[in-house]
N, C-alpha and C. Protein backbone atom coordinates (compact mmCIF):
# COMPACT_ATOMS: atom_id res chain seq x y z
N MET A 1 52.66 -21.36 52.80
CA MET A 1 51.71 -22.36 53.26
C MET A 1 51.16 -23.09 52.03
N GLY A 2 51.30 -24.40 52.00
CA GLY A 2 50.81 -25.19 50.88
C GLY A 2 49.44 -25.76 51.16
N THR A 3 48.87 -26.37 50.13
CA THR A 3 47.54 -26.95 50.30
C THR A 3 47.61 -28.32 50.95
N SER A 4 48.82 -28.87 51.12
CA SER A 4 48.95 -30.21 51.68
C SER A 4 48.58 -30.26 53.16
N ASP A 5 48.51 -29.11 53.85
CA ASP A 5 48.15 -29.13 55.26
C ASP A 5 46.66 -28.88 55.49
N ASN A 6 45.86 -28.92 54.45
CA ASN A 6 44.40 -28.81 54.52
C ASN A 6 43.90 -27.46 55.01
N ARG A 7 44.66 -26.41 54.83
CA ARG A 7 44.21 -25.07 55.22
C ARG A 7 43.53 -24.40 54.03
N ASN A 8 42.70 -23.42 54.34
CA ASN A 8 42.01 -22.70 53.30
C ASN A 8 42.97 -21.74 52.60
N THR A 9 43.35 -22.07 51.40
CA THR A 9 44.20 -21.20 50.62
C THR A 9 43.50 -20.74 49.34
N THR A 10 42.26 -21.19 49.16
CA THR A 10 41.55 -20.88 47.93
C THR A 10 40.51 -19.79 48.08
N GLY A 11 40.12 -19.48 49.33
CA GLY A 11 39.03 -18.55 49.55
C GLY A 11 37.67 -19.20 49.49
N ASN A 12 37.62 -20.48 49.15
CA ASN A 12 36.36 -21.20 49.08
C ASN A 12 35.87 -21.45 50.51
N PRO A 13 34.65 -20.99 50.87
CA PRO A 13 34.17 -21.16 52.25
C PRO A 13 33.99 -22.61 52.65
N LYS A 14 33.98 -23.52 51.68
CA LYS A 14 33.87 -24.94 52.01
C LYS A 14 35.20 -25.52 52.47
N ASP A 15 36.29 -24.79 52.21
CA ASP A 15 37.60 -25.22 52.67
C ASP A 15 37.75 -24.85 54.14
N SER A 16 38.49 -25.61 54.88
CA SER A 16 38.66 -25.37 56.31
C SER A 16 39.77 -24.35 56.57
N LEU A 17 39.54 -23.49 57.57
CA LEU A 17 40.57 -22.54 57.98
C LEU A 17 41.60 -23.21 58.86
N LEU A 18 41.22 -24.29 59.53
CA LEU A 18 42.12 -25.07 60.38
C LEU A 18 42.18 -26.49 59.85
N THR A 19 43.27 -27.15 60.14
CA THR A 19 43.29 -28.58 59.83
C THR A 19 42.33 -29.24 60.80
N GLN A 20 41.88 -30.44 60.49
CA GLN A 20 40.96 -31.14 61.39
C GLN A 20 41.59 -31.34 62.76
N ALA A 21 42.89 -31.68 62.78
CA ALA A 21 43.58 -31.87 64.06
C ALA A 21 43.60 -30.58 64.87
N GLU A 22 43.83 -29.44 64.21
CA GLU A 22 43.84 -28.15 64.92
C GLU A 22 42.45 -27.81 65.45
N ALA A 23 41.42 -28.06 64.65
CA ALA A 23 40.05 -27.79 65.08
C ALA A 23 39.68 -28.67 66.27
N ASP A 24 40.04 -29.94 66.22
CA ASP A 24 39.76 -30.85 67.33
C ASP A 24 40.51 -30.43 68.59
N ALA A 25 41.78 -30.03 68.45
CA ALA A 25 42.57 -29.60 69.60
C ALA A 25 41.99 -28.33 70.22
N LEU A 26 41.56 -27.40 69.39
CA LEU A 26 40.95 -26.17 69.89
C LEU A 26 39.66 -26.47 70.64
N SER A 27 38.82 -27.30 70.05
CA SER A 27 37.57 -27.69 70.70
C SER A 27 37.84 -28.34 72.04
N SER A 28 38.81 -29.22 72.08
CA SER A 28 39.17 -29.91 73.32
C SER A 28 39.72 -28.93 74.35
N SER A 29 40.57 -28.01 73.94
CA SER A 29 41.17 -27.06 74.88
C SER A 29 40.13 -26.12 75.48
N LEU A 30 39.05 -25.89 74.75
CA LEU A 30 37.98 -25.00 75.23
C LEU A 30 36.87 -25.77 75.95
N ASN A 31 37.06 -27.10 76.06
CA ASN A 31 36.05 -27.96 76.71
C ASN A 31 34.67 -27.78 76.11
N LEU A 32 34.60 -27.74 74.79
CA LEU A 32 33.33 -27.52 74.11
C LEU A 32 32.44 -28.75 74.07
N GLY A 33 33.01 -29.92 74.19
CA GLY A 33 32.21 -31.13 74.17
C GLY A 33 31.78 -31.59 72.79
N TYR A 34 32.34 -31.00 71.76
CA TYR A 34 32.07 -31.41 70.39
C TYR A 34 33.29 -31.06 69.56
N THR A 35 33.36 -31.63 68.37
CA THR A 35 34.46 -31.30 67.48
C THR A 35 33.91 -30.74 66.18
N SER A 36 34.77 -30.14 65.44
CA SER A 36 34.42 -29.52 64.18
C SER A 36 34.53 -30.55 63.07
N PRO A 37 33.74 -30.50 62.05
CA PRO A 37 32.63 -29.59 61.83
C PRO A 37 31.39 -30.03 62.61
N ILE A 38 30.49 -29.09 62.85
CA ILE A 38 29.24 -29.44 63.52
C ILE A 38 28.15 -29.60 62.47
N SER A 39 27.12 -30.33 62.82
CA SER A 39 26.01 -30.55 61.90
C SER A 39 25.10 -29.33 61.89
N GLN A 40 24.24 -29.25 60.89
CA GLN A 40 23.25 -28.17 60.84
C GLN A 40 22.33 -28.25 62.04
N SER A 41 22.00 -29.46 62.46
CA SER A 41 21.15 -29.64 63.63
C SER A 41 21.80 -29.06 64.88
N LYS A 42 23.10 -29.30 65.06
CA LYS A 42 23.83 -28.77 66.21
C LYS A 42 23.89 -27.24 66.12
N ALA A 43 24.11 -26.71 64.94
CA ALA A 43 24.14 -25.25 64.75
C ALA A 43 22.78 -24.65 65.11
N ASN A 44 21.70 -25.30 64.71
CA ASN A 44 20.36 -24.81 65.04
C ASN A 44 20.13 -24.83 66.54
N THR A 45 20.61 -25.88 67.22
CA THR A 45 20.48 -25.98 68.67
C THR A 45 21.25 -24.85 69.34
N PHE A 46 22.48 -24.60 68.90
CA PHE A 46 23.27 -23.50 69.46
C PHE A 46 22.54 -22.17 69.28
N PHE A 47 22.00 -21.94 68.10
CA PHE A 47 21.30 -20.69 67.82
C PHE A 47 20.10 -20.52 68.75
N THR A 48 19.31 -21.57 68.90
CA THR A 48 18.13 -21.51 69.77
C THR A 48 18.54 -21.24 71.21
N GLU A 49 19.56 -21.94 71.68
CA GLU A 49 20.03 -21.73 73.06
C GLU A 49 20.60 -20.32 73.25
N ASP A 50 21.35 -19.84 72.26
CA ASP A 50 21.98 -18.52 72.36
C ASP A 50 20.96 -17.38 72.34
N THR A 51 19.83 -17.57 71.69
CA THR A 51 18.85 -16.49 71.56
C THR A 51 17.68 -16.60 72.54
N ALA A 52 17.62 -17.66 73.32
CA ALA A 52 16.46 -17.91 74.19
C ALA A 52 16.20 -16.76 75.16
N LYS A 53 17.23 -16.21 75.80
CA LYS A 53 17.04 -15.12 76.75
C LYS A 53 16.51 -13.86 76.07
N ALA A 54 17.04 -13.57 74.90
CA ALA A 54 16.58 -12.39 74.17
C ALA A 54 15.14 -12.55 73.71
N VAL A 55 14.78 -13.72 73.23
CA VAL A 55 13.40 -13.98 72.81
C VAL A 55 12.46 -13.80 73.99
N SER A 56 12.84 -14.35 75.13
CA SER A 56 12.02 -14.24 76.34
C SER A 56 11.86 -12.77 76.76
N ALA A 57 12.95 -12.03 76.74
CA ALA A 57 12.89 -10.62 77.15
C ALA A 57 12.00 -9.81 76.22
N VAL A 58 12.11 -10.02 74.93
CA VAL A 58 11.29 -9.27 73.98
C VAL A 58 9.82 -9.67 74.14
N ASN A 59 9.55 -10.94 74.38
CA ASN A 59 8.17 -11.38 74.57
C ASN A 59 7.55 -10.77 75.82
N LYS A 60 8.36 -10.39 76.80
CA LYS A 60 7.86 -9.81 78.05
C LYS A 60 7.71 -8.29 77.99
N LEU A 61 8.11 -7.67 76.90
CA LEU A 61 8.00 -6.21 76.79
C LEU A 61 6.55 -5.77 76.94
N SER A 62 6.37 -4.67 77.66
CA SER A 62 5.04 -4.07 77.80
C SER A 62 4.90 -2.97 76.76
N LEU A 63 4.06 -3.21 75.79
CA LEU A 63 3.82 -2.22 74.75
C LEU A 63 2.54 -1.46 75.08
N PRO A 64 2.43 -0.23 74.56
CA PRO A 64 1.18 0.51 74.77
C PRO A 64 -0.01 -0.32 74.28
N ASN A 65 -1.13 -0.14 74.94
CA ASN A 65 -2.34 -0.89 74.64
C ASN A 65 -2.67 -0.84 73.14
N GLY A 66 -2.86 -2.00 72.57
CA GLY A 66 -3.23 -2.10 71.15
C GLY A 66 -2.04 -2.15 70.21
N HIS A 67 -0.84 -2.08 70.74
CA HIS A 67 0.34 -2.11 69.88
C HIS A 67 1.01 -3.47 69.96
N THR A 68 1.48 -3.93 68.84
CA THR A 68 2.23 -5.18 68.77
C THR A 68 3.46 -4.95 67.90
N LEU A 69 4.42 -5.81 68.07
CA LEU A 69 5.62 -5.76 67.23
C LEU A 69 5.38 -6.55 65.95
N SER A 70 5.86 -6.01 64.85
CA SER A 70 5.86 -6.80 63.62
C SER A 70 6.96 -7.86 63.75
N GLN A 71 6.94 -8.83 62.88
CA GLN A 71 7.99 -9.85 62.93
C GLN A 71 9.36 -9.23 62.70
N ASN A 72 9.44 -8.24 61.79
CA ASN A 72 10.72 -7.58 61.55
C ASN A 72 11.21 -6.84 62.77
N GLN A 73 10.30 -6.17 63.50
CA GLN A 73 10.68 -5.47 64.72
C GLN A 73 11.15 -6.45 65.80
N PHE A 74 10.41 -7.53 65.96
CA PHE A 74 10.78 -8.57 66.92
C PHE A 74 12.17 -9.11 66.60
N ASP A 75 12.37 -9.47 65.35
CA ASP A 75 13.67 -10.01 64.93
C ASP A 75 14.81 -9.03 65.18
N ALA A 76 14.58 -7.75 64.93
CA ALA A 76 15.61 -6.75 65.14
C ALA A 76 15.96 -6.62 66.62
N LEU A 77 14.98 -6.73 67.49
CA LEU A 77 15.23 -6.63 68.92
C LEU A 77 15.94 -7.86 69.48
N VAL A 78 15.60 -9.01 68.93
CA VAL A 78 16.26 -10.24 69.39
C VAL A 78 17.68 -10.26 68.88
């Protein structure tokens, strides 16, 4: 495999594992509604959407009276 096909052959995380055409085809075949690469804003939106149920569930936990979760505990549960 040569570098002329735009695949990651260097180990550099900034290099793509797929060619742009392959990434676009994969996105299309999965009906994702977006193509690669995604923006940081889109990644943040995905993260928020993916964790919303867990955040809600942890917020609804009934703890013994006077007890609260630390931020680290909350994060670990989510």
